[in-house]
Amino acid sequence: MTEDQNTEYKESWRDDYLKWICGFANAQGGKIYIGINDDMKVTGLDNFKKLMDDLPNKISAHLGLMPDINLLQKNEKYYIEIVVSPSPVPISYHGAYHYRCGSTKQELKGPALLNFILGKFGKSWDETPLKSASLSRINGNTLNTFLYLGTQCQRLPNDSANHEIETLFAKLNLMNEEGDLNHAAVLLFYEDPLKYFPTAYFKIGRFGSSDADLKFQDVVKGNIFEMADKVLEILRSKYLTSPIRYEGLLRKDELEYPETALREAILNAIVHKDYTGEMIQMSVYDDRIMLWNPGSIPDDLRGKLKDKHPSRPRNKNIAEIFFAAGYIEVWGRGILKMVEACKTAGLPEPEIKEESGGVWVTFFKDIYTQDFLTKLNLNERQIKAVLYVKANGFITNGIFQSINSIGKSVTTTDLQDLVNKKIVVQQGKAGRAVKYTLKR
């Protein structure tokens, strides 16, 4: 067994490893082996008897935990296994809260610590009350739109609009028993949520050949309930093109990226955003769109987002409002819908990765990416040629020879293979007039 999120190997015991036990207890639990090195070789313990007496007392005194501590033997060498179960309550070590993330231990501080403690007690950050927020600042038009959508999709009672706003907000978990609005209410329906949450906005930038080449940008502000529609409208009108096609006599104007996938990604970012972090950022390039959202992926969902998985919204109350309006589901299918929409449009699956304190979702404009071409078992010459066609519109036998520094016979074989694999299409019958373009 290799060292991973739930396993740690230590050659000898140090009291500092109580932090690791604390981190396991605050996360998904795990095992610490004492007397095994990083190469998973049992080095053994000379003081195993003393440790078997001392460890239960130390762990109990410093952490309040009683993990299973087992003495094991291999090749006449003794080592110790400490089995730590996940704790239902936050565990601290000398006032610090540690957390096992991946194969590392992190000390939780600031907003991360607040979210962790709230989560341990079944709460989410967005239901924290804001005593200075007032019902008089609620945007009536936004609230009416929400009520209309909710009743139309039958996720709200038909008489919802007849309730007093205090009663309505209490039913929607947007107000506590003392009459205080919570974070979710302000973010969703307030006229000026930036007063309380300075990074609760959406930033869009159009880039050229590099990140240094910023051509223009937009900032979408206001309440987050209307944000997704505003972002999509700006993308349609300013950032993306709508190639025209016809089905019979019917004209079809569709975005170059599937709108269903974009909408799911935008809604996902808004619902799951860590509103104590940076703003949501969308970068639009010639060949891709990259969306970054501050916040981490739940530990047990890492690497599983494209599989069927349960819904784990960071902001439960915000998610409930978007669900009630018919904007999202509660089955954890958002990522799957994005993947399906891209496949239907003949595009690569969106790429999802965790980086820079947030989650990147990247959509590719066409299927001819370096990774995709490599999976088709194309050689380096062919990949270079396809990317050349992608950038320039076509390639000829002569150009193929030039960019790869090879002869005509190898070029002819490579190009014919691309035609047979239906990646390029030959235009012209013979001679220098023959061109090869991408098959769409």
Protein backbone atom coordinates (compact mmCIF):
# COMPACT_ATOMS: atom_id res chain seq x y z
CA MET A 1 0.00 0.00 0.00
CA THR A 2 1.44 3.37 -0.98
CA GLU A 3 1.26 6.52 1.11
CA ASP A 4 -1.96 8.27 0.14
CA GLN A 5 -4.78 10.38 1.53
CA ASN A 6 -5.62 7.79 4.18
CA THR A 7 -2.21 6.29 4.94
CA GLU A 8 0.98 7.65 6.48
CA TYR A 9 4.27 5.85 7.18
CA LYS A 10 6.71 6.94 9.89
CA GLU A 11 9.97 5.19 10.72
CA SER A 12 9.83 6.20 14.38
CA TRP A 13 7.43 8.05 16.69
CA ARG A 14 7.58 11.77 17.39
CA ASP A 15 4.96 13.63 19.41
CA ASP A 16 4.62 16.01 16.46
CA TYR A 17 2.75 13.20 14.70
CA LEU A 18 -0.23 13.92 16.94
CA LYS A 19 -0.96 16.62 14.32
CA TRP A 20 -1.30 13.89 11.69
CA ILE A 21 -3.76 12.00 13.87
CA CYS A 22 -5.68 15.25 14.34
CA GLY A 23 -5.70 15.77 10.55
CA PHE A 24 -7.02 12.26 9.89
CA ALA A 25 -9.76 12.63 12.52
CA ASN A 26 -10.92 15.94 11.00
CA ALA A 27 -10.98 14.46 7.48
CA GLN A 28 -11.95 10.98 6.34
CA GLY A 29 -9.96 9.03 8.90
CA GLY A 30 -6.88 6.99 8.11
CA LYS A 31 -3.99 4.87 9.35
CA ILE A 32 -0.53 5.78 10.60
CA TYR A 33 2.13 3.08 10.65
CA ILE A 34 5.07 3.54 13.01
CA GLY A 35 8.14 1.47 12.15
CA ILE A 36 7.73 1.56 8.34
CA ASN A 37 9.73 3.90 6.10
CA ASP A 38 8.54 5.80 3.00
CA ASP A 39 9.55 2.84 0.81
CA MET A 40 7.02 0.74 2.76
CA LYS A 41 9.81 -1.35 4.25
CA VAL A 42 9.32 -2.51 7.84
CA THR A 43 12.27 -1.12 9.77
CA GLY A 44 10.92 -2.18 13.16
CA LEU A 45 10.72 -0.54 16.59
CA ASP A 46 12.97 -1.23 19.55
CA ASN A 47 10.67 0.64 21.95
CA PHE A 48 7.38 -0.86 20.80
CA LYS A 49 6.37 -1.95 24.31
CA LYS A 50 6.76 1.55 25.72
CA LEU A 51 4.93 3.07 22.74
CA MET A 52 2.02 0.68 23.18
CA ASP A 53 1.68 2.03 26.74
CA ASP A 54 2.35 5.71 25.96
CA LEU A 55 0.44 6.31 22.72
CA PRO A 56 -3.12 5.74 24.01
CA ASN A 57 -2.51 8.17 26.88
CA LYS A 58 -0.88 10.83 24.70
CA ILE A 59 -3.58 10.69 22.04
CA SER A 60 -6.35 10.82 24.62
CA ALA A 61 -4.78 13.66 26.62
CA HIS A 62 -3.94 15.91 23.66
CA LEU A 63 -6.77 15.10 21.23
CA GLY A 64 -9.54 13.46 23.22
CA LEU A 65 -9.51 10.50 20.84
CA MET A 66 -9.28 6.76 21.42
CA PRO A 67 -8.09 5.22 18.14
CA ASP A 68 -7.32 1.54 17.71
CA ILE A 69 -3.61 0.90 18.28
CA ASN A 70 -2.37 -2.45 17.01
CA LEU A 71 1.03 -4.14 17.39
CA LEU A 72 1.97 -5.97 14.20
CA GLN A 73 4.97 -8.07 13.21
CA LYS A 74 6.75 -8.89 9.96
CA ASN A 75 10.05 -10.73 9.55
CA GLU A 76 10.54 -10.68 13.34
CA LYS A 77 10.26 -6.88 13.34
CA TYR A 78 7.51 -5.09 15.25
CA TYR A 79 5.61 -2.05 14.02
CA ILE A 80 2.51 -0.21 15.19
CA GLU A 81 -0.72 0.58 13.34
CA ILE A 82 -2.83 3.52 14.55
CA VAL A 83 -6.34 3.42 13.06
CA VAL A 84 -8.03 6.83 13.23
CA SER A 85 -11.77 7.12 12.61
CA PRO A 86 -13.30 10.35 11.25
CA SER A 87 -14.52 12.51 14.12
CA PRO A 88 -18.11 13.87 14.11
CA VAL A 89 -16.85 17.02 15.90
CA PRO A 90 -13.85 19.28 15.20
CA ILE A 91 -10.59 18.13 16.79
CA SER A 92 -7.80 20.55 17.70
CA TYR A 93 -4.20 20.02 18.77
CA HIS A 94 -2.96 22.77 21.11
CA GLY A 95 -5.62 25.10 19.71
CA ALA A 96 -4.82 24.42 16.03
CA TYR A 97 -7.08 22.49 13.65
CA HIS A 98 -5.28 20.20 11.23
CA TYR A 99 -6.79 18.52 8.19
CA ARG A 100 -5.60 15.72 5.94
CA CYS A 101 -5.88 16.84 2.30
CA GLY A 102 -4.49 14.51 -0.36
CA SER A 103 -1.23 13.16 1.01
CA THR A 104 -0.46 16.33 2.99
CA LYS A 105 -1.50 17.81 6.33
CA GLN A 106 -2.75 21.39 6.43
CA GLU A 107 -3.53 23.71 9.31
CA LEU A 108 -6.96 25.28 8.82
CA LYS A 109 -7.22 29.02 9.33
CA GLY A 110 -9.56 31.88 8.55
CA PRO A 111 -12.51 31.13 6.21
CA ALA A 112 -11.35 27.54 5.66
CA LEU A 113 -11.53 26.91 9.40
CA LEU A 114 -14.95 28.57 9.65
CA ASN A 115 -16.35 26.44 6.82
CA PHE A 116 -14.85 23.31 8.35
CA ILE A 117 -16.37 23.91 11.79
CA LEU A 118 -19.76 24.83 10.32
CA GLY A 119 -19.71 21.69 8.18
CA LYS A 120 -18.95 19.46 11.15
CA PHE A 121 -22.17 20.69 12.77
CA GLY A 122 -24.23 20.27 9.61
CA LYS A 123 -24.24 23.97 8.84
CA SER A 124 -23.06 25.88 5.79
CA TRP A 125 -21.47 29.31 5.53
CA ASP A 126 -24.40 30.77 3.58
CA GLU A 127 -26.85 30.35 6.49
CA THR A 128 -24.77 32.56 8.79
CA PRO A 129 -26.94 35.55 9.86
CA LEU A 130 -26.16 39.17 8.90
CA LYS A 131 -27.75 41.33 11.57
CA SER A 132 -27.18 44.60 9.69
CA ALA A 133 -28.93 43.39 6.50
CA SER A 134 -32.44 44.76 5.96
CA LEU A 135 -35.49 43.42 4.14
CA SER A 136 -35.95 46.88 2.65
CA ARG A 137 -32.90 46.22 0.42
CA ILE A 138 -34.37 43.08 -1.15
CA ASN A 139 -34.78 43.45 -4.93
CA GLY A 140 -38.50 42.97 -5.52
CA ASN A 141 -38.13 42.22 -9.24
CA THR A 142 -35.62 39.46 -8.57
CA LEU A 143 -37.81 37.94 -5.87
CA ASN A 144 -40.87 38.03 -8.16
CA THR A 145 -38.89 36.33 -10.93
CA PHE A 146 -37.86 33.59 -8.52
CA LEU A 147 -41.44 33.05 -7.32
CA TYR A 148 -42.72 32.91 -10.90
CA LEU A 149 -40.09 30.36 -11.99
CA GLY A 150 -40.58 28.27 -8.85
CA THR A 151 -44.34 28.00 -9.28
CA GLN A 152 -44.03 27.37 -13.04
CA CYS A 153 -41.77 24.36 -12.45
CA GLN A 154 -43.98 23.31 -9.51
CA ARG A 155 -41.18 23.40 -6.97
CA LEU A 156 -42.90 26.16 -5.00
CA PRO A 157 -46.54 26.20 -3.84
CA ASN A 158 -48.84 28.20 -6.11
CA ASP A 159 -49.71 30.62 -3.30
CA SER A 160 -46.06 31.46 -2.47
CA ALA A 161 -46.41 35.01 -3.78
CA ASN A 162 -49.25 35.64 -1.32
CA HIS A 163 -47.07 35.13 1.77
CA GLU A 164 -45.60 38.01 3.72
CA ILE A 165 -41.91 38.31 2.88
CA GLU A 166 -40.90 37.42 6.45
CA THR A 167 -42.95 34.21 6.29
CA LEU A 168 -41.62 33.39 2.83
CA PHE A 169 -37.97 33.92 3.78
CA ALA A 170 -38.40 31.88 6.96
CA LYS A 171 -39.83 28.98 4.92
CA LEU A 172 -36.96 29.25 2.44
CA ASN A 173 -34.34 29.20 5.24
CA LEU A 174 -33.22 32.71 4.33
CA MET A 175 -34.06 34.22 7.73
CA ASN A 176 -33.58 32.95 11.29
CA GLU A 177 -36.05 32.99 14.17
CA GLU A 178 -34.78 36.40 15.30
CA GLY A 179 -35.63 37.90 11.91
CA ASP A 180 -32.04 38.22 10.66
CA LEU A 181 -31.34 37.67 6.97
CA ASN A 182 -28.52 35.24 6.29
CA HIS A 183 -25.66 35.30 3.80
CA ALA A 184 -27.69 33.38 1.20
CA ALA A 185 -30.58 35.88 1.27
CA VAL A 186 -28.24 38.83 0.73
CA LEU A 187 -26.29 37.18 -2.08
CA LEU A 188 -29.41 35.96 -3.86
CA PHE A 189 -31.84 38.85 -3.56
CA TYR A 190 -30.12 41.95 -2.20
CA GLU A 191 -29.88 45.07 -4.35
CA ASP A 192 -26.21 45.57 -3.47
CA PRO A 193 -24.64 42.33 -2.14
CA LEU A 194 -21.13 43.68 -2.84
CA LYS A 195 -21.57 45.87 0.25
CA TYR A 196 -21.13 42.73 2.35
CA PHE A 197 -19.30 40.44 -0.08
CA PRO A 198 -16.76 42.42 -2.15
CA THR A 199 -15.80 39.47 -4.38
CA ALA A 200 -19.35 38.34 -5.20
CA TYR A 201 -19.04 39.16 -8.89
CA PHE A 202 -18.16 37.49 -12.18
CA LYS A 203 -15.21 38.65 -14.28
CA ILE A 204 -14.93 37.82 -18.01
CA GLY A 205 -11.88 38.51 -20.18
CA ARG A 206 -11.19 38.00 -23.89
CA PHE A 207 -7.58 37.06 -24.57
CA GLY A 208 -5.57 36.83 -27.75
CA SER A 209 -2.51 34.68 -28.32
CA SER A 210 -1.39 34.81 -24.68
CA ASP A 211 -2.56 35.80 -21.19
CA ALA A 212 -0.64 39.05 -21.63
CA ASP A 213 -2.86 39.91 -24.61
CA LEU A 214 -6.09 41.02 -22.90
CA LYS A 215 -8.35 42.47 -25.59
CA PHE A 216 -11.36 43.48 -23.48
CA GLN A 217 -13.17 42.49 -20.30
CA ASP A 218 -16.46 42.77 -18.42
CA VAL A 219 -17.52 42.57 -14.79
CA VAL A 220 -20.97 41.21 -13.92
CA LYS A 221 -22.25 42.49 -10.58
CA GLY A 222 -25.55 42.38 -8.73
CA ASN A 223 -27.34 39.55 -6.96
CA ILE A 224 -26.24 36.04 -7.85
CA PHE A 225 -29.73 34.81 -8.73
CA GLU A 226 -29.64 36.89 -11.95
CA MET A 227 -25.92 36.47 -12.54
CA ALA A 228 -25.96 33.35 -14.74
CA ASP A 229 -28.38 34.91 -17.25
CA LYS A 230 -26.36 38.14 -17.35
CA VAL A 231 -23.10 36.25 -17.97
CA LEU A 232 -24.63 34.16 -20.76
CA GLU A 233 -26.11 37.25 -22.42
CA ILE A 234 -22.72 38.98 -22.45
CA LEU A 235 -21.07 35.85 -23.84
CA ARG A 236 -23.64 35.68 -26.65
CA SER A 237 -23.46 39.34 -27.57
CA LYS A 238 -19.75 40.03 -27.21
CA TYR A 239 -17.48 37.03 -26.71
CA LEU A 240 -18.76 34.07 -28.73
CA THR A 241 -19.93 33.60 -32.30
CA SER A 242 -23.04 31.75 -33.45
CA PRO A 243 -22.27 29.82 -36.66
CA ILE A 244 -25.34 29.64 -38.88
CA ARG A 245 -26.58 26.27 -40.11
CA TYR A 246 -29.83 25.01 -41.60
CA GLU A 247 -32.05 22.02 -40.96
CA GLY A 248 -34.08 21.99 -44.13
CA LEU A 249 -35.37 25.54 -44.46
CA LEU A 250 -35.07 26.21 -40.73
CA ARG A 251 -32.17 28.45 -39.76
CA LYS A 252 -30.25 27.46 -36.61
CA ASP A 253 -28.08 29.95 -34.70
CA GLU A 254 -26.09 28.11 -32.05
CA LEU A 255 -23.10 29.16 -29.98
CA GLU A 256 -19.73 27.65 -30.86
CA TYR A 257 -19.85 25.96 -27.44
CA PRO A 258 -22.99 24.10 -26.29
CA GLU A 259 -25.03 26.59 -24.26
CA THR A 260 -26.31 23.84 -21.97
CA ALA A 261 -22.75 23.02 -20.92
CA LEU A 262 -21.79 26.66 -20.41
CA ARG A 263 -24.89 27.34 -18.34
CA GLU A 264 -24.27 24.32 -16.12
CA ALA A 265 -20.67 25.41 -15.54
CA ILE A 266 -21.67 28.98 -14.71
CA LEU A 267 -24.43 27.87 -12.33
CA ASN A 268 -22.06 25.35 -10.76
CA ALA A 269 -19.51 28.10 -10.13
CA ILE A 270 -22.08 30.44 -8.58
CA VAL A 271 -23.60 27.79 -6.31
CA HIS A 272 -20.31 26.27 -5.16
CA LYS A 273 -18.20 29.44 -4.94
CA ASP A 274 -16.32 30.18 -1.75
CA TYR A 275 -17.66 33.70 -1.21
CA THR A 276 -14.85 34.47 1.22
CA GLY A 277 -12.37 34.00 -1.66
CA GLU A 278 -11.74 35.70 -4.99
CA MET A 279 -14.24 36.51 -7.73
CA ILE A 280 -15.26 33.94 -10.37
CA GLN A 281 -13.11 34.37 -13.47
CA MET A 282 -13.82 33.31 -17.05
CA SER A 283 -11.08 33.56 -19.70
CA VAL A 284 -12.16 33.31 -23.35
CA TYR A 285 -9.48 32.36 -25.91
CA ASP A 286 -9.57 31.58 -29.62
CA ASP A 287 -9.74 27.84 -28.99
CA ARG A 288 -11.08 27.40 -25.45
CA ILE A 289 -12.92 28.86 -22.47
CA MET A 290 -11.47 28.53 -18.97
CA LEU A 291 -13.67 29.09 -15.90
CA TRP A 292 -12.09 29.36 -12.45
CA ASN A 293 -14.09 29.19 -9.27
CA PRO A 294 -12.60 29.67 -5.77
CA GLY A 295 -13.18 26.68 -3.51
CA SER A 296 -12.09 23.06 -3.20
CA ILE A 297 -13.59 19.77 -4.35
CA PRO A 298 -14.90 17.59 -1.47
CA ASP A 299 -12.29 15.01 -0.51
CA ASP A 300 -14.40 11.99 -1.35
CA LEU A 301 -15.34 13.36 -4.81
CA ARG A 302 -11.84 14.04 -6.10
CA GLY A 303 -11.36 12.17 -9.38
CA LYS A 304 -15.02 11.12 -9.42
CA LEU A 305 -16.82 14.23 -10.71
CA LYS A 306 -17.43 12.69 -14.14
CA ASP A 307 -18.94 9.60 -12.54
CA LYS A 308 -22.33 9.42 -10.85
CA HIS A 309 -21.92 11.05 -7.46
CA PRO A 310 -24.05 12.65 -4.75
CA SER A 311 -24.70 16.38 -4.73
CA ARG A 312 -22.45 18.18 -2.22
CA PRO A 313 -23.20 21.91 -2.49
CA ARG A 314 -20.83 24.18 -0.60
CA ASN A 315 -23.69 26.64 -0.04
CA LYS A 316 -26.76 24.55 0.81
CA ASN A 317 -29.28 27.39 1.06
CA ILE A 318 -28.15 28.98 -2.21
CA ALA A 319 -28.40 25.58 -3.89
CA GLU A 320 -31.94 25.12 -2.55
CA ILE A 321 -33.08 28.43 -4.07
CA PHE A 322 -31.56 27.60 -7.47
CA PHE A 323 -33.22 24.19 -7.27
CA ALA A 324 -36.58 25.69 -6.36
CA ALA A 325 -36.35 27.98 -9.41
CA GLY A 326 -35.68 25.01 -11.69
CA TYR A 327 -32.13 26.12 -12.49
CA ILE A 328 -30.33 23.07 -11.09
CA GLU A 329 -31.02 19.52 -9.95
CA VAL A 330 -29.95 17.90 -6.67
CA TRP A 331 -28.55 14.69 -8.08
CA GLY A 332 -24.95 15.79 -8.68
CA ARG A 333 -25.54 15.60 -12.45
CA GLY A 334 -24.22 19.04 -13.38
CA ILE A 335 -20.81 17.77 -14.53
CA LEU A 336 -22.38 14.81 -16.34
CA LYS A 337 -24.72 17.16 -18.23
CA MET A 338 -21.74 19.27 -19.28
CA VAL A 339 -19.92 16.19 -20.57
CA GLU A 340 -22.99 14.91 -22.42
CA ALA A 341 -23.63 18.29 -24.05
CA CYS A 342 -20.05 18.53 -25.30
CA LYS A 343 -20.08 14.99 -26.67
CA THR A 344 -23.38 15.64 -28.47
CA ALA A 345 -21.84 18.74 -30.06
CA GLY A 346 -18.83 16.71 -31.21
CA LEU A 347 -16.46 18.46 -28.81
CA PRO A 348 -13.97 17.02 -26.30
CA GLU A 349 -15.06 16.47 -22.73
CA PRO A 350 -14.47 19.54 -20.54
CA GLU A 351 -11.32 19.33 -18.47
CA ILE A 352 -11.72 19.73 -14.70
CA LYS A 353 -8.81 20.23 -12.34
CA GLU A 354 -8.17 21.70 -8.91
CA GLU A 355 -5.50 24.38 -8.83
CA SER A 356 -4.62 27.78 -7.34
CA GLY A 357 -7.14 27.46 -4.51
CA GLY A 358 -10.04 26.77 -6.84
CA VAL A 359 -11.45 24.59 -9.62
CA TRP A 360 -10.75 25.08 -13.33
CA VAL A 361 -13.29 23.95 -15.94
CA THR A 362 -11.97 24.19 -19.51
CA PHE A 363 -14.13 23.88 -22.65
CA PHE A 364 -12.41 23.27 -25.98
CA LYS A 365 -13.82 24.74 -29.19
CA ASP A 366 -13.00 21.72 -31.34
CA ILE A 367 -11.96 18.15 -30.93
CA TYR A 368 -8.53 18.59 -32.46
CA THR A 369 -6.52 19.07 -29.27
CA GLN A 370 -3.03 17.70 -28.62
CA ASP A 371 -4.37 15.14 -26.12
CA PHE A 372 -7.15 13.95 -28.42
CA LEU A 373 -4.82 13.54 -31.40
CA THR A 374 -2.33 11.62 -29.28
CA LYS A 375 -5.08 9.19 -28.25
CA LEU A 376 -5.71 8.46 -31.95
CA ASN A 377 -2.18 7.02 -32.17
CA LEU A 378 -1.07 9.65 -34.67
CA ASN A 379 2.65 10.18 -35.04
CA GLU A 380 4.30 13.50 -34.22
CA ARG A 381 4.38 14.53 -37.88
CA GLN A 382 0.65 13.97 -38.28
CA ILE A 383 -0.19 15.81 -35.05
CA LYS A 384 1.91 18.76 -36.18
CA ALA A 385 0.11 18.71 -39.54
CA VAL A 386 -3.37 18.62 -38.01
CA LEU A 387 -2.54 21.51 -35.70
CA TYR A 388 -1.16 23.38 -38.74
CA VAL A 389 -4.46 22.85 -40.60
CA LYS A 390 -6.35 23.97 -37.52
CA ALA A 391 -4.38 27.23 -37.46
CA ASN A 392 -4.16 27.87 -41.21
CA GLY A 393 -7.21 26.21 -42.77
CA PHE A 394 -5.43 23.69 -45.01
CA ILE A 395 -2.17 21.87 -45.71
CA THR A 396 -0.53 20.55 -48.88
CA ASN A 397 1.97 17.77 -49.50
CA GLY A 398 4.68 20.37 -49.89
CA ILE A 399 3.84 22.17 -46.66
CA PHE A 400 3.74 18.82 -44.82
CA GLN A 401 7.24 18.05 -46.10
CA SER A 402 8.48 21.49 -45.10
CA ILE A 403 7.18 21.61 -41.52
CA ASN A 404 8.38 18.06 -40.81
CA SER A 405 11.63 18.08 -42.86
CA ILE A 406 10.81 14.79 -44.60
CA GLY A 407 10.42 13.44 -48.13
CA LYS A 408 7.41 13.10 -50.39
CA SER A 409 6.78 9.36 -49.98
CA VAL A 410 6.52 9.45 -46.17
CA THR A 411 4.34 12.56 -46.45
CA THR A 412 1.95 10.86 -48.87
CA THR A 413 1.62 7.87 -46.53
CA ASP A 414 0.98 10.08 -43.48
CA LEU A 415 -1.61 12.20 -45.27
CA GLN A 416 -3.45 9.19 -46.69
CA ASP A 417 -3.59 7.73 -43.16
CA LEU A 418 -5.20 10.96 -41.92
CA VAL A 419 -7.76 10.71 -44.75
CA ASN A 420 -8.49 7.06 -43.93
CA LYS A 421 -9.00 7.96 -40.27
CA LYS A 422 -11.45 10.66 -41.41
CA ILE A 423 -9.49 13.44 -39.73
CA VAL A 424 -8.78 15.39 -42.92
CA VAL A 425 -10.51 15.59 -46.28
CA GLN A 426 -8.67 15.72 -49.60
CA GLN A 427 -9.69 18.51 -51.95
CA GLY A 428 -8.55 18.12 -55.55
CA LYS A 429 -7.50 14.99 -57.41
CA ALA A 430 -3.78 15.27 -58.13
CA GLY A 431 -0.77 17.52 -58.25
CA ARG A 432 0.07 20.67 -56.36
CA ALA A 433 -3.58 21.75 -56.35
CA VAL A 434 -4.44 19.08 -53.78
CA LYS A 435 -5.22 20.51 -50.34
CA TYR A 436 -6.22 18.82 -47.11
CA THR A 437 -8.72 20.39 -44.71
CA LEU A 438 -10.15 19.23 -41.41
CA LYS A 439 -13.20 17.00 -41.52
CA ARG A 440 -15.95 18.74 -39.55
